[in-house]
Amino acid sequence: MVKNLFWVCSQRRPWALLAAASCILGGAIPGARAQNMVDNLINHYCAQAMNADFAKAGKTPPTGMVAYTCNCVIQQVNAQATIDQAKATCQAQATAKYPTP
């Protein structure tokens, strides 16, 4: 049952899964290792979401845009921004830095 719930959550709400994972990992794994794992999760889901959005639009992201945006999201979340706040801030910054046709 937990496996099915995990799959449903990850398919429907990857950001919610990310938030839950960061809470769980933060308490279960000490210090820098936990933070590195959370950062990797944020990067994974951010890149996956961005690539899916560009694919849906039939476009290819400019070189460096995904990495730039996802690193921005990681920094914003680590500075206590919510995922939605980080997404909005970083999307605006990336759009200004990497204009798309």
PDB file of N, CA and C in Angstrom:
ATOM      1  N   MET A   1       0.814  -1.190   0.000  1.00  0.00           N
ATOM      2  CA  MET A   1       0.000   0.000   0.000  1.00  0.00           C
ATOM      3  C   MET A   1       0.862   1.260   0.000  1.00  0.00           C
ATOM      4  N   VAL A   2       1.909   1.281   0.821  1.00  0.00           N
ATOM      5  CA  VAL A   2       2.784   2.445   0.873  1.00  0.00           C
ATOM      6  C   VAL A   2       3.455   2.647  -0.479  1.00  0.00           C
ATOM      7  N   LYS A   3       3.853   1.553  -1.114  1.00  0.00           N
ATOM      8  CA  LYS A   3       4.483   1.645  -2.427  1.00  0.00           C
ATOM      9  C   LYS A   3       3.518   2.279  -3.433  1.00  0.00           C
ATOM     10  N   ASN A   4       2.267   1.868  -3.414  1.00  0.00           N
ATOM     11  CA  ASN A   4       1.269   2.439  -4.329  1.00  0.00           C
ATOM     12  C   ASN A   4       1.034   3.913  -4.023  1.00  0.00           C
ATOM     13  N   LEU A   5       0.959   4.268  -2.761  1.00  0.00           N
ATOM     14  CA  LEU A   5       0.765   5.659  -2.369  1.00  0.00           C
ATOM     15  C   LEU A   5       1.946   6.502  -2.834  1.00  0.00           C
ATOM     16  N   PHE A   6       3.163   5.981  -2.662  1.00  0.00           N
ATOM     17  CA  PHE A   6       4.359   6.693  -3.111  1.00  0.00           C
ATOM     18  C   PHE A   6       4.293   6.928  -4.616  1.00  0.00           C
ATOM     19  N   TRP A   7       3.894   5.919  -5.383  1.00  0.00           N
ATOM     20  CA  TRP A   7       3.811   6.061  -6.831  1.00  0.00           C
ATOM     21  C   TRP A   7       2.775   7.108  -7.217  1.00  0.00           C
ATOM     22  N   VAL A   8       1.608   7.061  -6.596  1.00  0.00           N
ATOM     23  CA  VAL A   8       0.549   8.027  -6.900  1.00  0.00           C
ATOM     24  C   VAL A   8       1.019   9.437  -6.573  1.00  0.00           C
ATOM     25  N   CYS A   9       1.628   9.613  -5.409  1.00  0.00           N
ATOM     26  CA  CYS A   9       2.111  10.944  -5.022  1.00  0.00           C
ATOM     27  C   CYS A   9       3.182  11.432  -5.978  1.00  0.00           C
ATOM     28  N   SER A  10       4.097  10.559  -6.359  1.00  0.00           N
ATOM     29  CA  SER A  10       5.187  10.999  -7.225  1.00  0.00           C
ATOM     30  C   SER A  10       4.695  11.325  -8.626  1.00  0.00           C
ATOM     31  N   GLN A  11       3.631  10.683  -9.072  1.00  0.00           N
ATOM     32  CA  GLN A  11       3.104  10.955 -10.402  1.00  0.00           C
ATOM     33  C   GLN A  11       2.244  12.212 -10.436  1.00  0.00           C
ATOM     34  N   ARG A  12       1.526  12.463  -9.386  1.00  0.00           N
ATOM     35  CA  ARG A  12       0.586  13.582  -9.381  1.00  0.00           C
ATOM     36  C   ARG A  12       1.170  14.853  -8.784  1.00  0.00           C
ATOM     37  N   ARG A  13       2.009  14.715  -7.799  1.00  0.00           N
ATOM     38  CA  ARG A  13       2.522  15.890  -7.092  1.00  0.00           C
ATOM     39  C   ARG A  13       3.995  15.714  -6.746  1.00  0.00           C
ATOM     40  N   PRO A  14       4.882  15.818  -7.734  1.00  0.00           N
ATOM     41  CA  PRO A  14       6.302  15.617  -7.417  1.00  0.00           C
ATOM     42  C   PRO A  14       6.836  16.648  -6.425  1.00  0.00           C
ATOM     43  N   TRP A  15       6.314  17.869  -6.450  1.00  0.00           N
ATOM     44  CA  TRP A  15       6.795  18.874  -5.509  1.00  0.00           C
ATOM     45  C   TRP A  15       6.348  18.529  -4.085  1.00  0.00           C
ATOM     46  N   ALA A  16       5.148  17.975  -3.937  1.00  0.00           N
ATOM     47  CA  ALA A  16       4.690  17.571  -2.611  1.00  0.00           C
ATOM     48  C   ALA A  16       5.547  16.422  -2.087  1.00  0.00           C
ATOM     49  N   LEU A  17       5.886  15.504  -2.973  1.00  0.00           N
ATOM     50  CA  LEU A  17       6.755  14.396  -2.596  1.00  0.00           C
ATOM     51  C   LEU A  17       8.112  14.930  -2.170  1.00  0.00           C
ATOM     52  N   LEU A  18       8.608  15.908  -2.896  1.00  0.00           N
ATOM     53  CA  LEU A  18       9.890  16.511  -2.571  1.00  0.00           C
ATOM     54  C   LEU A  18       9.854  17.148  -1.186  1.00  0.00           C
ATOM     55  N   ALA A  19       8.801  17.872  -0.885  1.00  0.00           N
ATOM     56  CA  ALA A  19       8.674  18.510   0.425  1.00  0.00           C
ATOM     57  C   ALA A  19       8.632  17.461   1.535  1.00  0.00           C
ATOM     58  N   ALA A  20       7.876  16.403   1.323  1.00  0.00           N
ATOM     59  CA  ALA A  20       7.782  15.339   2.325  1.00  0.00           C
ATOM     60  C   ALA A  20       9.130  14.651   2.506  1.00  0.00           C
ATOM     61  N   ALA A  21       9.807  14.393   1.402  1.00  0.00           N
ATOM     62  CA  ALA A  21      11.109  13.725   1.467  1.00  0.00           C
ATOM     63  C   ALA A  21      12.122  14.579   2.213  1.00  0.00           C
ATOM     64  N   SER A  22      12.080  15.884   1.989  1.00  0.00           N
ATOM     65  CA  SER A  22      13.046  16.747   2.672  1.00  0.00           C
ATOM     66  C   SER A  22      12.812  16.736   4.181  1.00  0.00           C
ATOM     67  N   CYS A  23      11.560  16.675   4.593  1.00  0.00           N
ATOM     68  CA  CYS A  23      11.259  16.600   6.033  1.00  0.00           C
ATOM     69  C   CYS A  23      11.743  15.281   6.613  1.00  0.00           C
ATOM     70  N   ILE A  24      11.480  14.201   5.906  1.00  0.00           N
ATOM     71  CA  ILE A  24      11.873  12.879   6.387  1.00  0.00           C
ATOM     72  C   ILE A  24      13.385  12.746   6.416  1.00  0.00           C
ATOM     73  N   LEU A  25      14.044  13.128   5.314  1.00  0.00           N
ATOM     74  CA  LEU A  25      15.492  12.986   5.233  1.00  0.00           C
ATOM     75  C   LEU A  25      16.203  13.908   6.213  1.00  0.00           C
ATOM     76  N   GLY A  26      15.629  15.070   6.428  1.00  0.00           N
ATOM     77  CA  GLY A  26      16.236  16.010   7.358  1.00  0.00           C
ATOM     78  C   GLY A  26      16.331  15.454   8.764  1.00  0.00           C
ATOM     79  N   GLY A  27      15.374  14.637   9.157  1.00  0.00           N
ATOM     80  CA  GLY A  27      15.391  14.058  10.494  1.00  0.00           C
ATOM     81  C   GLY A  27      16.117  12.738  10.569  1.00  0.00           C
ATOM     82  N   ALA A  28      16.265  12.048   9.457  1.00  0.00           N
ATOM     83  CA  ALA A  28      16.822  10.699   9.487  1.00  0.00           C
ATOM     84  C   ALA A  28      18.312  10.644   9.184  1.00  0.00           C
ATOM     85  N   ILE A  29      18.820  11.597   8.428  1.00  0.00           N
ATOM     86  CA  ILE A  29      20.221  11.558   8.007  1.00  0.00           C
ATOM     87  C   ILE A  29      20.903  12.832   8.496  1.00  0.00           C
ATOM     88  N   PRO A  30      22.047  12.693   9.139  1.00  0.00           N
ATOM     89  CA  PRO A  30      22.691  13.869   9.714  1.00  0.00           C
ATOM     90  C   PRO A  30      23.273  14.838   8.688  1.00  0.00           C
ATOM     91  N   GLY A  31      23.183  16.108   9.028  1.00  0.00           N
ATOM     92  CA  GLY A  31      23.880  17.214   8.410  1.00  0.00           C
ATOM     93  C   GLY A  31      23.966  17.307   6.906  1.00  0.00           C
ATOM     94  N   ALA A  32      25.198  17.422   6.436  1.00  0.00           N
ATOM     95  CA  ALA A  32      25.469  17.709   5.033  1.00  0.00           C
ATOM     96  C   ALA A  32      24.951  16.617   4.105  1.00  0.00           C
ATOM     97  N   ARG A  33      25.003  15.372   4.538  1.00  0.00           N
ATOM     98  CA  ARG A  33      24.501  14.291   3.679  1.00  0.00           C
ATOM     99  C   ARG A  33      23.020  14.455   3.407  1.00  0.00           C
ATOM    100  N   ALA A  34      22.261  14.800   4.425  1.00  0.00           N
ATOM    101  CA  ALA A  34      20.823  14.998   4.250  1.00  0.00           C
ATOM    102  C   ALA A  34      20.568  16.178   3.326  1.00  0.00           C
ATOM    103  N   GLN A  35      21.295  17.264   3.528  1.00  0.00           N
ATOM    104  CA  GLN A  35      21.112  18.441   2.679  1.00  0.00           C
ATOM    105  C   GLN A  35      21.464  18.124   1.236  1.00  0.00           C
ATOM    106  N   ASN A  36      22.523  17.378   1.028  1.00  0.00           N
ATOM    107  CA  ASN A  36      22.922  16.999  -0.331  1.00  0.00           C
ATOM    108  C   ASN A  36      21.850  16.135  -0.988  1.00  0.00           C
ATOM    109  N   MET A  37      21.254  15.244  -0.227  1.00  0.00           N
ATOM    110  CA  MET A  37      20.199  14.397  -0.782  1.00  0.00           C
ATOM    111  C   MET A  37      18.971  15.230  -1.141  1.00  0.00           C
ATOM    112  N   VAL A  38      18.618  16.182  -0.299  1.00  0.00           N
ATOM    113  CA  VAL A  38      17.476  17.056  -0.579  1.00  0.00           C
ATOM    114  C   VAL A  38      17.767  17.898  -1.817  1.00  0.00           C
ATOM    115  N   ASP A  39      18.980  18.443  -1.905  1.00  0.00           N
ATOM    116  CA  ASP A  39      19.361  19.234  -3.076  1.00  0.00           C
ATOM    117  C   ASP A  39      19.285  18.393  -4.354  1.00  0.00           C
ATOM    118  N   ASN A  40      19.728  17.154  -4.271  1.00  0.00           N
ATOM    119  CA  ASN A  40      19.659  16.260  -5.441  1.00  0.00           C
ATOM    120  C   ASN A  40      18.219  15.973  -5.838  1.00  0.00           C
ATOM    121  N   LEU A  41      17.351  15.798  -4.856  1.00  0.00           N
ATOM    122  CA  LEU A  41      15.931  15.573  -5.158  1.00  0.00           C
ATOM    123  C   LEU A  41      15.313  16.802  -5.822  1.00  0.00           C
ATOM    124  N   ILE A  42      15.616  17.970  -5.281  1.00  0.00           N
ATOM    125  CA  ILE A  42      15.097  19.202  -5.872  1.00  0.00           C
ATOM    126  C   ILE A  42      15.582  19.316  -7.307  1.00  0.00           C
ATOM    127  N   ASN A  43      16.863  19.091  -7.523  1.00  0.00           N
ATOM    128  CA  ASN A  43      17.430  19.192  -8.870  1.00  0.00           C
ATOM    129  C   ASN A  43      16.774  18.194  -9.819  1.00  0.00           C
ATOM    130  N   HIS A  44      16.578  16.980  -9.354  1.00  0.00           N
ATOM    131  CA  HIS A  44      15.977  15.944 -10.199  1.00  0.00           C
ATOM    132  C   HIS A  44      14.569  16.330 -10.634  1.00  0.00           C
ATOM    133  N   TYR A  45      13.725  16.680  -9.679  1.00  0.00           N
ATOM    134  CA  TYR A  45      12.338  17.003 -10.017  1.00  0.00           C
ATOM    135  C   TYR A  45      12.217  18.310 -10.780  1.00  0.00           C
ATOM    136  N   CYS A  46      13.079  19.253 -10.486  1.00  0.00           N
ATOM    137  CA  CYS A  46      13.071  20.520 -11.212  1.00  0.00           C
ATOM    138  C   CYS A  46      13.436  20.284 -12.678  1.00  0.00           C
ATOM    139  N   ALA A  47      14.535  19.576 -12.915  1.00  0.00           N
ATOM    140  CA  ALA A  47      14.972  19.306 -14.295  1.00  0.00           C
ATOM    141  C   ALA A  47      13.927  18.486 -15.044  1.00  0.00           C
ATOM    142  N   GLN A  48      13.347  17.509 -14.363  1.00  0.00           N
ATOM    143  CA  GLN A  48      12.325  16.675 -14.987  1.00  0.00           C
ATOM    144  C   GLN A  48      11.115  17.518 -15.391  1.00  0.00           C
ATOM    145  N   ALA A  49      10.680  18.403 -14.515  1.00  0.00           N
ATOM    146  CA  ALA A  49       9.523  19.253 -14.805  1.00  0.00           C
ATOM    147  C   ALA A  49       9.827  20.231 -15.932  1.00  0.00           C
ATOM    148  N   MET A  50      11.007  20.837 -15.900  1.00  0.00           N
ATOM    149  CA  MET A  50      11.359  21.787 -16.954  1.00  0.00           C
ATOM    150  C   MET A  50      11.452  21.108 -18.313  1.00  0.00           C
ATOM    151  N   ASN A  51      12.126  19.968 -18.354  1.00  0.00           N
ATOM    152  CA  ASN A  51      12.258  19.254 -19.630  1.00  0.00           C
ATOM    153  C   ASN A  51      10.901  18.806 -20.160  1.00  0.00           C
ATOM    154  N   ALA A  52      10.020  18.392 -19.271  1.00  0.00           N
ATOM    155  CA  ALA A  52       8.671  17.987 -19.691  1.00  0.00           C
ATOM    156  C   ALA A  52       7.897  19.185 -20.240  1.00  0.00           C
ATOM    157  N   ASP A  53       8.026  20.339 -19.588  1.00  0.00           N
ATOM    158  CA  ASP A  53       7.334  21.542 -20.066  1.00  0.00           C
ATOM    159  C   ASP A  53       7.841  21.959 -21.451  1.00  0.00           C
ATOM    160  N   PHE A  54       9.153  21.919 -21.641  1.00  0.00           N
ATOM    161  CA  PHE A  54       9.695  22.278 -22.950  1.00  0.00           C
ATOM    162  C   PHE A  54       9.279  21.255 -24.005  1.00  0.00           C
ATOM    163  N   ALA A  55       9.301  19.981 -23.653  1.00  0.00           N
ATOM    164  CA  ALA A  55       8.898  18.941 -24.605  1.00  0.00           C
ATOM    165  C   ALA A  55       7.433  19.106 -25.001  1.00  0.00           C
ATOM    166  N   LYS A  56       6.594  19.417 -24.026  1.00  0.00           N
ATOM    167  CA  LYS A  56       5.173  19.613 -24.296  1.00  0.00           C
ATOM    168  C   LYS A  56       4.968  20.791 -25.256  1.00  0.00           C
ATOM    169  N   ALA A  57       5.827  21.804 -25.132  1.00  0.00           N
ATOM    170  CA  ALA A  57       5.740  22.975 -26.004  1.00  0.00           C
ATOM    171  C   ALA A  57       6.444  22.742 -27.347  1.00  0.00           C
ATOM    172  N   GLY A  58       7.093  21.590 -27.486  1.00  0.00           N
ATOM    173  CA  GLY A  58       7.796  21.281 -28.726  1.00  0.00           C
ATOM    174  C   GLY A  58       9.073  22.086 -28.905  1.00  0.00           C
ATOM    175  N   LYS A  59       9.683  22.473 -27.785  1.00  0.00           N
ATOM    176  CA  LYS A  59      10.900  23.285 -27.840  1.00  0.00           C
ATOM    177  C   LYS A  59      12.023  22.602 -27.075  1.00  0.00           C
ATOM    178  N   THR A  60      13.223  23.089 -27.306  1.00  0.00           N
ATOM    179  CA  THR A  60      14.395  22.629 -26.571  1.00  0.00           C
ATOM    180  C   THR A  60      14.875  23.785 -25.702  1.00  0.00           C
ATOM    181  N   PRO A  61      15.144  23.530 -24.429  1.00  0.00           N
ATOM    182  CA  PRO A  61      15.602  24.632 -23.575  1.00  0.00           C
ATOM    183  C   PRO A  61      16.990  25.112 -24.018  1.00  0.00           C
ATOM    184  N   PRO A  62      17.254  26.405 -23.906  1.00  0.00           N
ATOM    185  CA  PRO A  62      18.590  26.900 -24.227  1.00  0.00           C
ATOM    186  C   PRO A  62      19.639  26.219 -23.343  1.00  0.00           C
ATOM    187  N   THR A  63      20.821  26.051 -23.883  1.00  0.00           N
ATOM    188  CA  THR A  63      21.908  25.410 -23.151  1.00  0.00           C
ATOM    189  C   THR A  63      22.159  26.149 -21.838  1.00  0.00           C
ATOM    190  N   GLY A  64      22.163  25.404 -20.752  1.00  0.00           N
ATOM    191  CA  GLY A  64      22.441  25.956 -19.436  1.00  0.00           C
ATOM    192  C   GLY A  64      21.221  26.424 -18.674  1.00  0.00           C
ATOM    193  N   MET A  65      20.087  26.559 -19.337  1.00  0.00           N
ATOM    194  CA  MET A  65      18.902  27.109 -18.677  1.00  0.00           C
ATOM    195  C   MET A  65      18.368  26.197 -17.580  1.00  0.00           C
ATOM    196  N   VAL A  66      18.298  24.907 -17.849  1.00  0.00           N
ATOM    197  CA  VAL A  66      17.752  23.980 -16.849  1.00  0.00           C
ATOM    198  C   VAL A  66      18.646  23.962 -15.618  1.00  0.00           C
ATOM    199  N   ALA A  67      19.947  23.842 -15.811  1.00  0.00           N
ATOM    200  CA  ALA A  67      20.876  23.813 -14.677  1.00  0.00           C
ATOM    201  C   ALA A  67      20.813  25.122 -13.892  1.00  0.00           C
ATOM    202  N   TYR A  68      20.788  26.242 -14.603  1.00  0.00           N
ATOM    203  CA  TYR A  68      20.717  27.550 -13.946  1.00  0.00           C
ATOM    204  C   TYR A  68      19.449  27.667 -13.108  1.00  0.00           C
ATOM    205  N   THR A  69      18.329  27.311 -13.699  1.00  0.00           N
ATOM    206  CA  THR A  69      17.046  27.440 -13.008  1.00  0.00           C
ATOM    207  C   THR A  69      16.972  26.521 -11.800  1.00  0.00           C
ATOM    208  N   CYS A  70      17.384  25.291 -11.967  1.00  0.00           N
ATOM    209  CA  CYS A  70      17.292  24.331 -10.869  1.00  0.00           C
ATOM    210  C   CYS A  70      18.256  24.671  -9.735  1.00  0.00           C
ATOM    211  N   ASN A  71      19.446  25.175 -10.069  1.00  0.00           N
ATOM    212  CA  ASN A  71      20.363  25.633  -9.018  1.00  0.00           C
ATOM    213  C   ASN A  71      19.762  26.809  -8.263  1.00  0.00           C
ATOM    214  N   CYS A  72      19.086  27.682  -8.979  1.00  0.00           N
ATOM    215  CA  CYS A  72      18.396  28.807  -8.354  1.00  0.00           C
ATOM    216  C   CYS A  72      17.318  28.303  -7.391  1.00  0.00           C
ATOM    217  N   VAL A  73      16.534  27.326  -7.825  1.00  0.00           N
ATOM    218  CA  VAL A  73      15.478  26.770  -6.975  1.00  0.00           C
ATOM    219  C   VAL A  73      16.090  26.169  -5.706  1.00  0.00           C
ATOM    220  N   ILE A  74      17.178  25.444  -5.851  1.00  0.00           N
ATOM    221  CA  ILE A  74      17.851  24.857  -4.685  1.00  0.00           C
ATOM    222  C   ILE A  74      18.273  25.947  -3.719  1.00  0.00           C
ATOM    223  N   GLN A  75      18.888  27.007  -4.230  1.00  0.00           N
ATOM    224  CA  GLN A  75      19.335  28.102  -3.366  1.00  0.00           C
ATOM    225  C   GLN A  75      18.155  28.783  -2.676  1.00  0.00           C
ATOM    226  N   GLN A  76      17.082  28.998  -3.409  1.00  0.00           N
ATOM    227  CA  GLN A  76      15.903  29.649  -2.830  1.00  0.00           C
ATOM    228  C   GLN A  76      15.275  28.792  -1.728  1.00  0.00           C
ATOM    229  N   VAL A  77      15.137  27.495  -1.992  1.00  0.00           N
ATOM    230  CA  VAL A  77      14.549  26.589  -0.984  1.00  0.00           C
ATOM    231  C   VAL A  77      15.447  26.509   0.247  1.00  0.00           C
ATOM    232  N   ASN A  78      16.749  26.460   0.030  1.00  0.00           N
ATOM    233  CA  ASN A  78      17.675  26.430   1.167  1.00  0.00           C
ATOM    234  C   ASN A  78      17.637  27.730   1.963  1.00  0.00           C
ATOM    235  N   ALA A  79      17.172  28.803   1.333  1.00  0.00           N
ATOM    236  CA  ALA A  79      17.021  30.090   2.018  1.00  0.00           C
ATOM    237  C   ALA A  79      15.607  30.251   2.589  1.00  0.00           C
ATOM    238  N   GLN A  80      14.876  29.140   2.697  1.00  0.00           N
ATOM    239  CA  GLN A  80      13.565  29.077   3.332  1.00  0.00           C
ATOM    240  C   GLN A  80      12.403  29.553   2.464  1.00  0.00           C
ATOM    241  N   ALA A  81      12.594  29.688   1.160  1.00  0.00           N
ATOM    242  CA  ALA A  81      11.473  30.004   0.273  1.00  0.00           C
ATOM    243  C   ALA A  81      10.645  28.742   0.073  1.00  0.00           C
ATOM    244  N   THR A  82       9.365  28.913  -0.188  1.00  0.00           N
ATOM    245  CA  THR A  82       8.538  27.758  -0.530  1.00  0.00           C
ATOM    246  C   THR A  82       8.877  27.329  -1.960  1.00  0.00           C
ATOM    247  N   ILE A  83       8.446  26.144  -2.328  1.00  0.00           N
ATOM    248  CA  ILE A  83       8.684  25.670  -3.692  1.00  0.00           C
ATOM    249  C   ILE A  83       8.039  26.622  -4.692  1.00  0.00           C
ATOM    250  N   ASP A  84       6.818  27.050  -4.423  1.00  0.00           N
ATOM    251  CA  ASP A  84       6.134  27.962  -5.348  1.00  0.00           C
ATOM    252  C   ASP A  84       6.858  29.302  -5.460  1.00  0.00           C
ATOM    253  N   GLN A  85       7.326  29.822  -4.341  1.00  0.00           N
ATOM    254  CA  GLN A  85       8.081  31.075  -4.372  1.00  0.00           C
ATOM    255  C   GLN A  85       9.375  30.905  -5.157  1.00  0.00           C
ATOM    256  N   ALA A  86      10.086  29.817  -4.883  1.00  0.00           N
ATOM    257  CA  ALA A  86      11.348  29.552  -5.572  1.00  0.00           C
ATOM    258  C   ALA A  86      11.115  29.386  -7.075  1.00  0.00           C
ATOM    259  N   LYS A  87      10.076  28.673  -7.426  1.00  0.00           N
ATOM    260  CA  LYS A  87       9.757  28.456  -8.840  1.00  0.00           C
ATOM    261  C   LYS A  87       9.478  29.783  -9.540  1.00  0.00           C
ATOM    262  N   ALA A  88       8.672  30.635  -8.925  1.00  0.00           N
ATOM    263  CA  ALA A  88       8.331  31.919  -9.533  1.00  0.00           C
ATOM    264  C   ALA A  88       9.563  32.805  -9.681  1.00  0.00           C
ATOM    265  N   THR A  89      10.356  32.899  -8.623  1.00  0.00           N
ATOM    266  CA  THR A  89      11.562  33.732  -8.647  1.00  0.00           C
ATOM    267  C   THR A  89      12.540  33.248  -9.712  1.00  0.00           C
ATOM    268  N   CYS A  90      12.802  31.955  -9.716  1.00  0.00           N
ATOM    269  CA  CYS A  90      13.813  31.400 -10.615  1.00  0.00           C
ATOM    270  C   CYS A  90      13.341  31.366 -12.066  1.00  0.00           C
ATOM    271  N   GLN A  91      12.060  31.161 -12.263  1.00  0.00           N
ATOM    272  CA  GLN A  91      11.515  31.184 -13.615  1.00  0.00           C
ATOM    273  C   GLN A  91      11.688  32.580 -14.216  1.00  0.00           C
ATOM    274  N   ALA A  92      11.426  33.601 -13.420  1.00  0.00           N
ATOM    275  CA  ALA A  92      11.585  34.979 -13.901  1.00  0.00           C
ATOM    276  C   ALA A  92      13.049  35.277 -14.200  1.00  0.00           C
ATOM    277  N   GLN A  93      13.952  34.862 -13.323  1.00  0.00           N
ATOM    278  CA  GLN A  93      15.373  35.103 -13.548  1.00  0.00           C
ATOM    279  C   GLN A  93      15.886  34.355 -14.774  1.00  0.00           C
ATOM    280  N   ALA A  94      15.481  33.104 -14.923  1.00  0.00           N
ATOM    281  CA  ALA A  94      15.939  32.307 -16.061  1.00  0.00           C
ATOM    282  C   ALA A  94      15.388  32.852 -17.376  1.00  0.00           C
ATOM    283  N   THR A  95      14.149  33.298 -17.367  1.00  0.00           N
ATOM    284  CA  THR A  95      13.544  33.852 -18.574  1.00  0.00           C
ATOM    285  C   THR A  95      14.276  35.122 -19.008  1.00  0.00           C
ATOM    286  N   ALA A  96      14.691  35.925 -18.027  1.00  0.00           N
ATOM    287  CA  ALA A  96      15.438  37.147 -18.352  1.00  0.00           C
ATOM    288  C   ALA A  96      16.838  36.817 -18.885  1.00  0.00           C
ATOM    289  N   LYS A  97      17.463  35.797 -18.304  1.00  0.00           N
ATOM    290  CA  LYS A  97      18.832  35.444 -18.704  1.00  0.00           C
ATOM    291  C   LYS A  97      18.871  34.637 -20.004  1.00  0.00           C
ATOM    292  N   TYR A  98      17.881  33.788 -20.213  1.00  0.00           N
ATOM    293  CA  TYR A  98      17.823  32.915 -21.385  1.00  0.00           C
ATOM    294  C   TYR A  98      16.538  33.157 -22.159  1.00  0.00           C
ATOM    295  N   PRO A  99      16.466  34.236 -22.922  1.00  0.00           N
ATOM    296  CA  PRO A  99      15.252  34.472 -23.692  1.00  0.00           C
ATOM    297  C   PRO A  99      15.013  33.346 -24.701  1.00  0.00           C
ATOM    298  N   THR A 100      13.790  32.895 -24.787  1.00  0.00           N
ATOM    299  CA  THR A 100      13.447  31.846 -25.748  1.00  0.00           C
ATOM    300  C   THR A 100      12.593  32.449 -26.863  1.00  0.00           C
ATOM    301  N   PRO A 101      12.789  31.920 -28.073  1.00  0.00           N
ATOM    302  CA  PRO A 101      12.014  32.460 -29.208  1.00  0.00           C
ATOM    303  C   PRO A 101      10.537  32.163 -29.125  1.00  0.00           C
TER     304      PRO A 101
END
